Amino acid sequence: MNKLPSIAKWFTLSCAAGLSFLGLASDSPAAGAARWTEANAKEWHAKQPWLFGFNFVPSTAVNDTEIWQAESFDPKTMDREST
């Protein structure tokens, strides 16, 4: 039984993950990138499109489609949990 392919695969994936981490870490303020000013952040935010969609599921629903079913529609819980 030859273990070389599995070891090579593990090594390749480990190297790729490490290089990805180094690439992400280089954009951090600690790596020398300047921190945005509040004005820069507001300018960037103003240029972004309107966000739409949701990822809210109230505690009385099992999933996001059950929210809208007549048997489980619970606006009081939705209002309480989303504020």
C-alpha atoms as a PDB file:
ATOM      1  CA  MET A   1       0.000   0.000   0.000  1.00  0.00           C
ATOM      2  CA  ASN A   2       1.562   3.278  -1.146  1.00  0.00           C
ATOM      3  CA  LYS A   3       0.874   6.267   1.143  1.00  0.00           C
ATOM      4  CA  LEU A   4       2.761   8.758  -1.014  1.00  0.00           C
ATOM      5  CA  PRO A   5      -0.276  10.126  -2.918  1.00  0.00           C
ATOM      6  CA  SER A   6      -2.179  10.897   0.292  1.00  0.00           C
ATOM      7  CA  ILE A   7       0.895  12.499   1.889  1.00  0.00           C
ATOM      8  CA  ALA A   8       1.551  14.556  -1.242  1.00  0.00           C
ATOM      9  CA  LYS A   9      -2.093  15.654  -1.334  1.00  0.00           C
ATOM     10  CA  TRP A  10      -1.992  16.638   2.357  1.00  0.00           C
ATOM     11  CA  PHE A  11       1.269  18.563   1.836  1.00  0.00           C
ATOM     12  CA  THR A  12      -0.109  20.400  -1.214  1.00  0.00           C
ATOM     13  CA  LEU A  13      -3.300  21.393   0.617  1.00  0.00           C
ATOM     14  CA  SER A  14      -1.322  22.507   3.669  1.00  0.00           C
ATOM     15  CA  CYS A  15       0.965  24.674   1.552  1.00  0.00           C
ATOM     16  CA  ALA A  16      -1.993  26.203  -0.292  1.00  0.00           C
ATOM     17  CA  ALA A  17      -3.752  26.998   2.993  1.00  0.00           C
ATOM     18  CA  GLY A  18      -0.591  28.556   4.421  1.00  0.00           C
ATOM     19  CA  LEU A  19      -0.021  30.715   1.353  1.00  0.00           C
ATOM     20  CA  SER A  20      -3.658  31.810   1.396  1.00  0.00           C
ATOM     21  CA  PHE A  21      -3.309  32.837   5.045  1.00  0.00           C
ATOM     22  CA  LEU A  22      -0.166  34.821   4.284  1.00  0.00           C
ATOM     23  CA  GLY A  23      -1.952  36.588   1.440  1.00  0.00           C
ATOM     24  CA  LEU A  24      -4.857  37.562   3.691  1.00  0.00           C
ATOM     25  CA  ALA A  25      -2.611  38.613   6.551  1.00  0.00           C
ATOM     26  CA  SER A  26      -0.619  40.979   4.328  1.00  0.00           C
ATOM     27  CA  ASP A  27      -3.665  43.280   4.011  1.00  0.00           C
ATOM     28  CA  SER A  28      -3.967  43.786   7.760  1.00  0.00           C
ATOM     29  CA  PRO A  29      -2.957  47.084   9.393  1.00  0.00           C
ATOM     30  CA  ALA A  30      -0.277  45.239  11.368  1.00  0.00           C
ATOM     31  CA  ALA A  31       1.398  44.229   8.096  1.00  0.00           C
ATOM     32  CA  GLY A  32       1.915  47.864   7.092  1.00  0.00           C
ATOM     33  CA  ALA A  33      -1.356  48.692   5.323  1.00  0.00           C
ATOM     34  CA  ALA A  34      -2.720  52.057   6.401  1.00  0.00           C
ATOM     35  CA  ARG A  35      -5.967  52.123   8.340  1.00  0.00           C
ATOM     36  CA  TRP A  36      -8.807  53.889   6.565  1.00  0.00           C
ATOM     37  CA  THR A  37     -10.006  57.157   7.948  1.00  0.00           C
ATOM     38  CA  GLU A  38     -13.658  57.541   8.862  1.00  0.00           C
ATOM     39  CA  ALA A  39     -14.146  59.731   5.774  1.00  0.00           C
ATOM     40  CA  ASN A  40     -12.622  57.052   3.500  1.00  0.00           C
ATOM     41  CA  ALA A  41     -14.861  54.387   5.010  1.00  0.00           C
ATOM     42  CA  LYS A  42     -17.985  56.526   4.569  1.00  0.00           C
ATOM     43  CA  GLU A  43     -16.996  57.322   0.964  1.00  0.00           C
ATOM     44  CA  TRP A  44     -16.518  53.626   0.202  1.00  0.00           C
ATOM     45  CA  HIS A  45     -19.816  52.738   1.879  1.00  0.00           C
ATOM     46  CA  ALA A  46     -21.710  55.385  -0.110  1.00  0.00           C
ATOM     47  CA  LYS A  47     -20.546  53.760  -3.362  1.00  0.00           C
ATOM     48  CA  GLN A  48     -21.807  50.286  -2.443  1.00  0.00           C
ATOM     49  CA  PRO A  49     -25.104  49.023  -3.877  1.00  0.00           C
ATOM     50  CA  TRP A  50     -28.106  48.508  -1.634  1.00  0.00           C
ATOM     51  CA  LEU A  51     -27.861  45.207   0.225  1.00  0.00           C
ATOM     52  CA  PHE A  52     -30.840  42.914  -0.064  1.00  0.00           C
ATOM     53  CA  GLY A  53     -31.838  39.530   1.247  1.00  0.00           C
ATOM     54  CA  PHE A  54     -31.834  38.223   4.787  1.00  0.00           C
ATOM     55  CA  ASN A  55     -30.367  35.564   7.008  1.00  0.00           C
ATOM     56  CA  PHE A  56     -32.822  35.879   9.887  1.00  0.00           C
ATOM     57  CA  VAL A  57     -34.791  32.900  11.141  1.00  0.00           C
ATOM     58  CA  PRO A  58     -36.889  33.444  14.283  1.00  0.00           C
ATOM     59  CA  SER A  59     -36.691  30.930  17.095  1.00  0.00           C
ATOM     60  CA  THR A  60     -40.203  29.671  16.274  1.00  0.00           C
ATOM     61  CA  ALA A  61     -39.219  28.577  12.727  1.00  0.00           C
ATOM     62  CA  VAL A  62     -37.080  25.640  11.691  1.00  0.00           C
ATOM     63  CA  ASN A  63     -35.876  27.232   8.429  1.00  0.00           C
ATOM     64  CA  ASP A  64     -36.339  30.334   6.283  1.00  0.00           C
ATOM     65  CA  THR A  65     -39.310  28.956   4.338  1.00  0.00           C
ATOM     66  CA  GLU A  66     -41.265  28.069   7.470  1.00  0.00           C
ATOM     67  CA  ILE A  67     -41.276  31.737   8.473  1.00  0.00           C
ATOM     68  CA  TRP A  68     -43.959  32.438   5.857  1.00  0.00           C
ATOM     69  CA  GLN A  69     -46.216  29.404   6.383  1.00  0.00           C
ATOM     70  CA  ALA A  70     -49.603  30.237   7.845  1.00  0.00           C
ATOM     71  CA  GLU A  71     -49.243  27.713  10.673  1.00  0.00           C
ATOM     72  CA  SER A  72     -45.933  29.112  11.919  1.00  0.00           C
ATOM     73  CA  PHE A  73     -46.043  32.788  10.916  1.00  0.00           C
ATOM     74  CA  ASP A  74     -45.315  34.662  14.148  1.00  0.00           C
ATOM     75  CA  PRO A  75     -44.879  38.441  13.688  1.00  0.00           C
ATOM     76  CA  LYS A  76     -44.622  39.108  17.441  1.00  0.00           C
ATOM     77  CA  THR A  77     -41.559  36.862  17.759  1.00  0.00           C
ATOM     78  CA  MET A  78     -40.048  38.309  14.567  1.00  0.00           C
ATOM     79  CA  ASP A  79     -40.432  41.868  15.858  1.00  0.00           C
ATOM     80  CA  ARG A  80     -39.052  40.982  19.280  1.00  0.00           C
ATOM     81  CA  GLU A  81     -36.015  39.098  17.965  1.00  0.00           C
ATOM     82  CA  SER A  82     -35.105  41.416  15.094  1.00  0.00           C
ATOM     83  CA  THR A  83     -34.939  44.642  17.120  1.00  0.00           C
END
